[in-house]
Amino acid sequence: MKPSSLIRVLKHADDLACHVGMAVAAMALLFLLGLVSCNVLMRFVGVPLTGAYELAGFSGALIVAFGAAETQRRKGNITVDVITRHFHPVVRQILLLINELVFSLFFSFAGSYILRNALMFKQSGEMSETLKIPFYPMMLCVAGGFFLLVATLFINLLLRLTLLWSHLCKEKP
C-alpha cells in the first residue's frame, strides 16, 4: 500500500470516528439540555431533580471528551498567530508539527491516567455521591474521547509531515 493511500485510509477512519464521537457528544448535549430544563421546571414546583448536578457533570465530560477530536479535525480551536503568521510557511508547518506532537503526547498521558484511574475505581467499587452510580464507565468514555483526539492529532501530524516533505523536495535548487 502506497503511503498516500494509507494516509487516505487513516483519514477516512478518522473522519468516521470523529463523526461518531460528535454524535455521542450531541446526544449528551441534548440530554443535558433536557435535564437542565426539567430541573428548572421542577424547581418551580418545589421538587428539584435528585442528582441533576451529577448527571450534568457526567454529560459535560462526555461533550468535551467526544467533541474535542472533531473540533481539532475542523480546526475549530482558537489559534493565536500574531507572531507566526510572519514566518516562512515551512517554519510555520514545522511549528504546527511540533505542536501536534506535543499535544499528542499530552493527551496520550492524560488518557492513560484517566484510564488507569477508571480501572482503579472499578476495582474499588467507587460510586457517585448522590445517585450511587459507578464512576468508571464515564471515565472510560472520557479516556476514549482523549484517545480519539490523539488519533486525530497523529493523523494530522502524518499529513503535515507528508506535505512538508513534498514541499521541501520541491524547494531543492
C-alpha atoms as a PDB file:
ATOM      1  CA  MET A   1       0.000   0.000   0.000  1.00  0.00           C
ATOM      2  CA  LYS A   2       1.439   3.390  -1.013  1.00  0.00           C
ATOM      3  CA  PRO A   3       1.906   5.993   1.739  1.00  0.00           C
ATOM      4  CA  SER A   4      -0.666   8.297   0.169  1.00  0.00           C
ATOM      5  CA  SER A   5      -3.322   5.577   0.079  1.00  0.00           C
ATOM      6  CA  LEU A   6      -2.502   4.556   3.660  1.00  0.00           C
ATOM      7  CA  ILE A   7      -2.944   8.154   4.789  1.00  0.00           C
ATOM      8  CA  ARG A   8      -6.187   8.342   2.835  1.00  0.00           C
ATOM      9  CA  VAL A   9      -7.485   5.242   4.653  1.00  0.00           C
ATOM     10  CA  LEU A  10      -6.368   6.651   8.018  1.00  0.00           C
ATOM     11  CA  LYS A  11      -8.029   9.975   7.238  1.00  0.00           C
ATOM     12  CA  HIS A  12     -11.280   8.219   6.305  1.00  0.00           C
ATOM     13  CA  ALA A  13     -11.207   6.164   9.522  1.00  0.00           C
ATOM     14  CA  ASP A  14     -10.507   9.346  11.490  1.00  0.00           C
ATOM     15  CA  ASP A  15     -13.422  11.140   9.806  1.00  0.00           C
ATOM     16  CA  LEU A  16     -15.765   8.274  10.651  1.00  0.00           C
ATOM     17  CA  ALA A  17     -14.573   8.030  14.273  1.00  0.00           C
ATOM     18  CA  CYS A  18     -14.847  11.800  14.728  1.00  0.00           C
ATOM     19  CA  HIS A  19     -18.408  11.774  13.373  1.00  0.00           C
ATOM     20  CA  VAL A  20     -19.347   9.003  15.812  1.00  0.00           C
ATOM     21  CA  GLY A  21     -17.707  10.935  18.648  1.00  0.00           C
ATOM     22  CA  MET A  22     -19.589  14.063  17.675  1.00  0.00           C
ATOM     23  CA  ALA A  23     -22.859  12.097  17.607  1.00  0.00           C
ATOM     24  CA  VAL A  24     -22.173  10.915  21.166  1.00  0.00           C
ATOM     25  CA  ALA A  25     -21.369  14.499  22.202  1.00  0.00           C
ATOM     26  CA  ALA A  26     -24.581  15.728  20.551  1.00  0.00           C
ATOM     27  CA  MET A  27     -26.681  13.124  22.385  1.00  0.00           C
ATOM     28  CA  ALA A  28     -25.013  14.092  25.663  1.00  0.00           C
ATOM     29  CA  LEU A  29     -25.753  17.759  24.929  1.00  0.00           C
ATOM     30  CA  LEU A  30     -29.409  17.018  24.186  1.00  0.00           C
ATOM     31  CA  PHE A  31     -29.636  15.016  27.408  1.00  0.00           C
ATOM     32  CA  LEU A  32     -28.013  17.883  29.315  1.00  0.00           C
ATOM     33  CA  LEU A  33     -30.442  20.413  27.837  1.00  0.00           C
ATOM     34  CA  GLY A  34     -33.419  18.230  28.729  1.00  0.00           C
ATOM     35  CA  LEU A  35     -32.082  17.565  32.213  1.00  0.00           C
ATOM     36  CA  VAL A  36     -31.453  21.225  32.981  1.00  0.00           C
ATOM     37  CA  SER A  37     -34.826  22.257  31.565  1.00  0.00           C
ATOM     38  CA  CYS A  38     -36.663  19.622  33.611  1.00  0.00           C
ATOM     39  CA  ASN A  39     -34.713  20.578  36.716  1.00  0.00           C
ATOM     40  CA  VAL A  40     -35.628  24.253  36.298  1.00  0.00           C
ATOM     41  CA  LEU A  41     -39.293  23.397  35.789  1.00  0.00           C
ATOM     42  CA  MET A  42     -39.306  21.042  38.758  1.00  0.00           C
ATOM     43  CA  ARG A  43     -37.704  23.720  40.952  1.00  0.00           C
ATOM     44  CA  PHE A  44     -40.664  25.995  40.228  1.00  0.00           C
ATOM     45  CA  VAL A  45     -42.913  23.268  41.619  1.00  0.00           C
ATOM     46  CA  GLY A  46     -40.583  22.838  44.589  1.00  0.00           C
ATOM     47  CA  VAL A  47     -39.272  19.366  43.715  1.00  0.00           C
ATOM     48  CA  PRO A  48     -35.817  19.620  42.084  1.00  0.00           C
ATOM     49  CA  LEU A  49     -34.449  16.534  40.346  1.00  0.00           C
ATOM     50  CA  THR A  50     -32.183  14.471  42.585  1.00  0.00           C
ATOM     51  CA  GLY A  51     -28.710  14.035  41.130  1.00  0.00           C
ATOM     52  CA  ALA A  52     -29.161  16.640  38.402  1.00  0.00           C
ATOM     53  CA  TYR A  53     -25.752  18.161  39.129  1.00  0.00           C
ATOM     54  CA  GLU A  54     -24.021  14.775  38.935  1.00  0.00           C
ATOM     55  CA  LEU A  55     -25.686  13.909  35.646  1.00  0.00           C
ATOM     56  CA  ALA A  56     -24.919  17.379  34.292  1.00  0.00           C
ATOM     57  CA  GLY A  57     -21.251  16.901  35.192  1.00  0.00           C
ATOM     58  CA  PHE A  58     -21.125  13.491  33.532  1.00  0.00           C
ATOM     59  CA  SER A  59     -22.830  14.887  30.428  1.00  0.00           C
ATOM     60  CA  GLY A  60     -20.447  17.837  30.271  1.00  0.00           C
ATOM     61  CA  ALA A  61     -17.462  15.483  30.472  1.00  0.00           C
ATOM     62  CA  LEU A  62     -18.833  13.432  27.571  1.00  0.00           C
ATOM     63  CA  ILE A  63     -19.498  16.551  25.497  1.00  0.00           C
ATOM     64  CA  VAL A  64     -15.941  17.822  25.925  1.00  0.00           C
ATOM     65  CA  ALA A  65     -14.225  14.449  25.528  1.00  0.00           C
ATOM     66  CA  PHE A  66     -16.082  13.340  22.418  1.00  0.00           C
ATOM     67  CA  GLY A  67     -16.284  16.779  20.799  1.00  0.00           C
ATOM     68  CA  ALA A  68     -12.562  17.532  21.054  1.00  0.00           C
ATOM     69  CA  ALA A  69     -11.407  15.337  18.151  1.00  0.00           C
ATOM     70  CA  GLU A  70     -13.929  16.727  15.655  1.00  0.00           C
ATOM     71  CA  THR A  71     -13.148  20.264  16.795  1.00  0.00           C
ATOM     72  CA  GLN A  72      -9.451  19.605  16.224  1.00  0.00           C
ATOM     73  CA  ARG A  73     -10.142  17.996  12.853  1.00  0.00           C
ATOM     74  CA  ARG A  74     -12.140  21.020  11.700  1.00  0.00           C
ATOM     75  CA  LYS A  75      -9.548  23.430  13.119  1.00  0.00           C
ATOM     76  CA  GLY A  76     -12.269  24.908  15.341  1.00  0.00           C
ATOM     77  CA  ASN A  77      -9.916  25.858  18.159  1.00  0.00           C
ATOM     78  CA  ILE A  78      -8.657  29.367  18.693  1.00  0.00           C
ATOM     79  CA  THR A  79      -5.324  29.981  17.024  1.00  0.00           C
ATOM     80  CA  VAL A  80      -3.129  32.884  18.022  1.00  0.00           C
ATOM     81  CA  ASP A  81      -0.721  33.573  15.207  1.00  0.00           C
ATOM     82  CA  VAL A  82       0.332  37.157  15.838  1.00  0.00           C
ATOM     83  CA  ILE A  83       3.990  36.221  15.544  1.00  0.00           C
ATOM     84  CA  THR A  84       3.967  33.031  13.477  1.00  0.00           C
ATOM     85  CA  ARG A  85       1.997  34.492  10.553  1.00  0.00           C
ATOM     86  CA  HIS A  86       5.163  36.445   9.636  1.00  0.00           C
ATOM     87  CA  PHE A  87       7.280  33.269   9.467  1.00  0.00           C
ATOM     88  CA  HIS A  88       8.149  31.372   6.323  1.00  0.00           C
ATOM     89  CA  PRO A  89       5.448  28.750   5.507  1.00  0.00           C
ATOM     90  CA  VAL A  90       7.882  25.875   6.090  1.00  0.00           C
ATOM     91  CA  VAL A  91       8.776  27.228   9.539  1.00  0.00           C
ATOM     92  CA  ARG A  92       5.067  27.576  10.350  1.00  0.00           C
ATOM     93  CA  GLN A  93       4.447  23.982   9.260  1.00  0.00           C
ATOM     94  CA  ILE A  94       7.329  22.761  11.429  1.00  0.00           C
ATOM     95  CA  LEU A  95       5.950  24.658  14.440  1.00  0.00           C
ATOM     96  CA  LEU A  96       2.483  23.198  13.840  1.00  0.00           C
ATOM     97  CA  LEU A  97       4.053  19.744  13.551  1.00  0.00           C
ATOM     98  CA  ILE A  98       5.811  20.216  16.907  1.00  0.00           C
ATOM     99  CA  ASN A  99       2.549  21.485  18.385  1.00  0.00           C
ATOM    100  CA  GLU A 100       0.657  18.389  17.224  1.00  0.00           C
ATOM    101  CA  LEU A 101       3.399  16.124  18.542  1.00  0.00           C
ATOM    102  CA  VAL A 102       3.407  17.803  21.980  1.00  0.00           C
ATOM    103  CA  PHE A 103      -0.379  17.708  22.274  1.00  0.00           C
ATOM    104  CA  SER A 104      -0.475  14.089  21.082  1.00  0.00           C
ATOM    105  CA  LEU A 105       1.899  13.181  23.890  1.00  0.00           C
ATOM    106  CA  PHE A 106      -0.008  15.272  26.445  1.00  0.00           C
ATOM    107  CA  PHE A 107      -3.408  13.782  25.650  1.00  0.00           C
ATOM    108  CA  SER A 108      -1.886  10.284  25.462  1.00  0.00           C
ATOM    109  CA  PHE A 109      -0.653  10.705  29.021  1.00  0.00           C
ATOM    110  CA  ALA A 110      -3.940  12.290  30.133  1.00  0.00           C
ATOM    111  CA  GLY A 111      -5.984   9.492  28.553  1.00  0.00           C
ATOM    112  CA  SER A 112      -3.721   6.843  30.102  1.00  0.00           C
ATOM    113  CA  TYR A 113      -4.012   8.484  33.516  1.00  0.00           C
ATOM    114  CA  ILE A 114      -7.808   8.644  33.291  1.00  0.00           C
ATOM    115  CA  LEU A 115      -7.940   5.031  32.065  1.00  0.00           C
ATOM    116  CA  ARG A 116      -5.763   3.870  34.952  1.00  0.00           C
ATOM    117  CA  ASN A 117      -7.955   5.730  37.462  1.00  0.00           C
ATOM    118  CA  ALA A 118     -11.125   4.326  35.871  1.00  0.00           C
ATOM    119  CA  LEU A 119      -9.827   0.800  36.305  1.00  0.00           C
ATOM    120  CA  MET A 120      -8.867   1.600  39.887  1.00  0.00           C
ATOM    121  CA  PHE A 121     -12.385   2.984  40.575  1.00  0.00           C
ATOM    122  CA  LYS A 122     -13.901  -0.126  39.004  1.00  0.00           C
ATOM    123  CA  GLN A 123     -11.846  -2.343  41.254  1.00  0.00           C
ATOM    124  CA  SER A 124     -12.655  -0.330  44.398  1.00  0.00           C
ATOM    125  CA  GLY A 125     -16.363  -0.020  43.552  1.00  0.00           C
ATOM    126  CA  GLU A 126     -16.367   3.780  43.880  1.00  0.00           C
ATOM    127  CA  MET A 127     -19.810   5.312  43.317  1.00  0.00           C
ATOM    128  CA  SER A 128     -21.138   8.816  42.766  1.00  0.00           C
ATOM    129  CA  GLU A 129     -22.310  10.581  45.895  1.00  0.00           C
ATOM    130  CA  THR A 130     -25.997  11.227  45.205  1.00  0.00           C
ATOM    131  CA  LEU A 131     -27.139   8.679  42.621  1.00  0.00           C
ATOM    132  CA  LYS A 132     -24.741   5.909  43.633  1.00  0.00           C
ATOM    133  CA  ILE A 133     -23.793   5.080  40.071  1.00  0.00           C
ATOM    134  CA  PRO A 134     -20.265   3.898  39.226  1.00  0.00           C
ATOM    135  CA  PHE A 135     -17.738   6.483  38.031  1.00  0.00           C
ATOM    136  CA  TYR A 136     -15.626   4.214  35.899  1.00  0.00           C
ATOM    137  CA  PRO A 137     -17.848   3.910  32.775  1.00  0.00           C
ATOM    138  CA  MET A 138     -17.880   7.691  32.382  1.00  0.00           C
ATOM    139  CA  MET A 139     -14.133   7.836  32.947  1.00  0.00           C
ATOM    140  CA  LEU A 140     -13.589   5.117  30.338  1.00  0.00           C
ATOM    141  CA  CYS A 141     -15.623   7.180  27.879  1.00  0.00           C
ATOM    142  CA  VAL A 142     -13.575  10.305  28.625  1.00  0.00           C
ATOM    143  CA  ALA A 143     -10.337   8.347  28.151  1.00  0.00           C
ATOM    144  CA  GLY A 144     -11.714   7.020  24.854  1.00  0.00           C
ATOM    145  CA  GLY A 145     -12.518  10.568  23.747  1.00  0.00           C
ATOM    146  CA  PHE A 146      -8.969  11.641  24.580  1.00  0.00           C
ATOM    147  CA  PHE A 147      -7.520   8.703  22.650  1.00  0.00           C
ATOM    148  CA  LEU A 148      -9.705   9.677  19.687  1.00  0.00           C
ATOM    149  CA  LEU A 149      -8.223  13.178  19.909  1.00  0.00           C
ATOM    150  CA  VAL A 150      -4.727  11.646  19.976  1.00  0.00           C
ATOM    151  CA  ALA A 151      -5.519   9.648  16.830  1.00  0.00           C
ATOM    152  CA  THR A 152      -6.752  12.799  15.095  1.00  0.00           C
ATOM    153  CA  LEU A 153      -3.649  14.738  16.134  1.00  0.00           C
ATOM    154  CA  PHE A 154      -1.399  11.898  14.978  1.00  0.00           C
ATOM    155  CA  ILE A 155      -3.104  11.661  11.587  1.00  0.00           C
ATOM    156  CA  ASN A 156      -2.788  15.453  11.212  1.00  0.00           C
ATOM    157  CA  LEU A 157       0.873  15.079  12.119  1.00  0.00           C
ATOM    158  CA  LEU A 158       1.352  12.447   9.393  1.00  0.00           C
ATOM    159  CA  LEU A 159      -0.434  14.621   6.847  1.00  0.00           C
ATOM    160  CA  ARG A 160       1.669  17.613   7.817  1.00  0.00           C
ATOM    161  CA  LEU A 161       4.852  15.525   7.548  1.00  0.00           C
ATOM    162  CA  THR A 162       3.979  14.364   4.033  1.00  0.00           C
ATOM    163  CA  LEU A 163       3.087  17.896   2.953  1.00  0.00           C
ATOM    164  CA  LEU A 164       6.266  19.280   4.493  1.00  0.00           C
ATOM    165  CA  TRP A 165       8.352  16.561   2.869  1.00  0.00           C
ATOM    166  CA  SER A 166       6.853  17.193  -0.559  1.00  0.00           C
ATOM    167  CA  HIS A 167       7.331  20.952  -0.094  1.00  0.00           C
ATOM    168  CA  LEU A 168      10.968  20.504   0.930  1.00  0.00           C
ATOM    169  CA  CYS A 169      11.653  18.182  -2.014  1.00  0.00           C
ATOM    170  CA  LYS A 170      10.315  20.825  -4.429  1.00  0.00           C
ATOM    171  CA  GLU A 171      12.468  23.626  -2.971  1.00  0.00           C
ATOM    172  CA  LYS A 172      15.810  21.941  -3.727  1.00  0.00           C
ATOM    173  CA  PRO A 173      17.965  24.127  -6.060  1.00  0.00           C
END
